[in-house]
Amino acid sequence: MNEDKFMLNADYTYIPKPDTPRSLVLDWITEKKWKSKEMGEDLHPVADYVFEIEKHINDYPDDSNN
């Protein structure tokens, strides 16, 4: 994980910083969903963050042209 682009929140969960490139945010969302599905991990309270971040994905810088 690129620690410059993620921060710990109040629940000690690493979440993307506002300036994190969108591709890294999408990777983060995919990883959290995969862990939930494949490993049977309960994502709560992380699920709330995944949902909110996914909802606002377009707020993250688009790096698709890089």
Protein backbone atom coordinates (compact mmCIF):
# COMPACT_ATOMS: atom_id res chain seq x y z
CA MET A 1 0.00 0.00 0.00
CA ASN A 2 1.24 3.48 -0.85
CA GLU A 3 1.07 5.05 2.59
CA ASP A 4 1.40 8.54 1.15
CA LYS A 5 -2.01 8.09 -0.45
CA PHE A 6 -3.85 6.49 2.48
CA MET A 7 -4.59 7.62 6.01
CA LEU A 8 -5.86 6.04 9.18
CA ASN A 9 -9.30 7.19 10.20
CA ALA A 10 -10.90 7.16 13.66
CA ASP A 11 -11.69 3.43 13.31
CA TYR A 12 -8.04 2.62 12.51
CA THR A 13 -8.98 1.76 8.95
CA TYR A 14 -6.76 2.84 6.08
CA ILE A 15 -8.83 4.87 3.64
CA PRO A 16 -7.76 6.82 0.54
CA LYS A 17 -6.72 10.43 0.98
CA PRO A 18 -8.60 12.99 -1.15
CA ASP A 19 -5.63 13.36 -3.53
CA THR A 20 -5.23 9.62 -4.14
CA PRO A 21 -5.38 8.77 -7.85
CA ARG A 22 -8.65 7.16 -8.85
CA SER A 23 -6.98 3.94 -10.03
CA LEU A 24 -5.55 3.36 -6.54
CA VAL A 25 -8.92 4.06 -4.98
CA LEU A 26 -10.57 1.55 -7.32
CA ASP A 27 -7.91 -1.02 -6.41
CA TRP A 28 -8.60 -0.36 -2.72
CA ILE A 29 -12.37 -0.84 -3.23
CA THR A 30 -11.78 -4.07 -5.18
CA GLU A 31 -9.46 -5.43 -2.49
CA LYS A 32 -11.93 -4.67 0.32
CA LYS A 33 -14.82 -6.28 -1.58
CA TRP A 34 -12.68 -9.33 -2.43
CA LYS A 35 -11.65 -9.82 1.18
CA SER A 36 -15.27 -9.64 2.23
CA LYS A 37 -16.44 -12.16 -0.37
CA GLU A 38 -13.54 -14.61 -0.61
CA MET A 39 -12.26 -14.61 2.92
CA GLY A 40 -15.57 -14.18 4.67
CA GLU A 41 -14.28 -11.17 6.55
CA ASP A 42 -16.87 -8.86 7.96
CA LEU A 43 -16.05 -5.46 6.55
CA HIS A 44 -18.11 -3.49 9.05
CA PRO A 45 -17.27 -0.62 9.66
CA VAL A 46 -15.06 -0.70 6.56
CA ALA A 47 -18.10 -1.51 4.39
CA ASP A 48 -19.53 1.91 5.19
CA TYR A 49 -16.31 3.56 4.00
CA VAL A 50 -16.17 1.42 0.87
CA PHE A 51 -19.75 2.40 0.03
CA GLU A 52 -19.16 6.12 0.63
CA ILE A 53 -15.87 6.23 -1.24
CA GLU A 54 -17.30 4.27 -4.16
CA LYS A 55 -20.25 6.68 -4.28
CA HIS A 56 -17.82 9.62 -4.59
CA ILE A 57 -15.24 7.96 -6.84
CA ASN A 58 -15.36 10.84 -9.33
CA ASP A 59 -14.08 13.21 -6.62
CA TYR A 60 -10.68 11.51 -6.83
CA PRO A 61 -8.15 12.69 -9.43
CA ASP A 62 -8.49 10.87 -12.73
CA ASP A 63 -5.19 9.24 -13.63
CA SER A 64 -6.44 7.11 -16.51
CA ASN A 65 -4.36 9.06 -19.06
CA ASN A 66 -1.11 8.32 -17.26
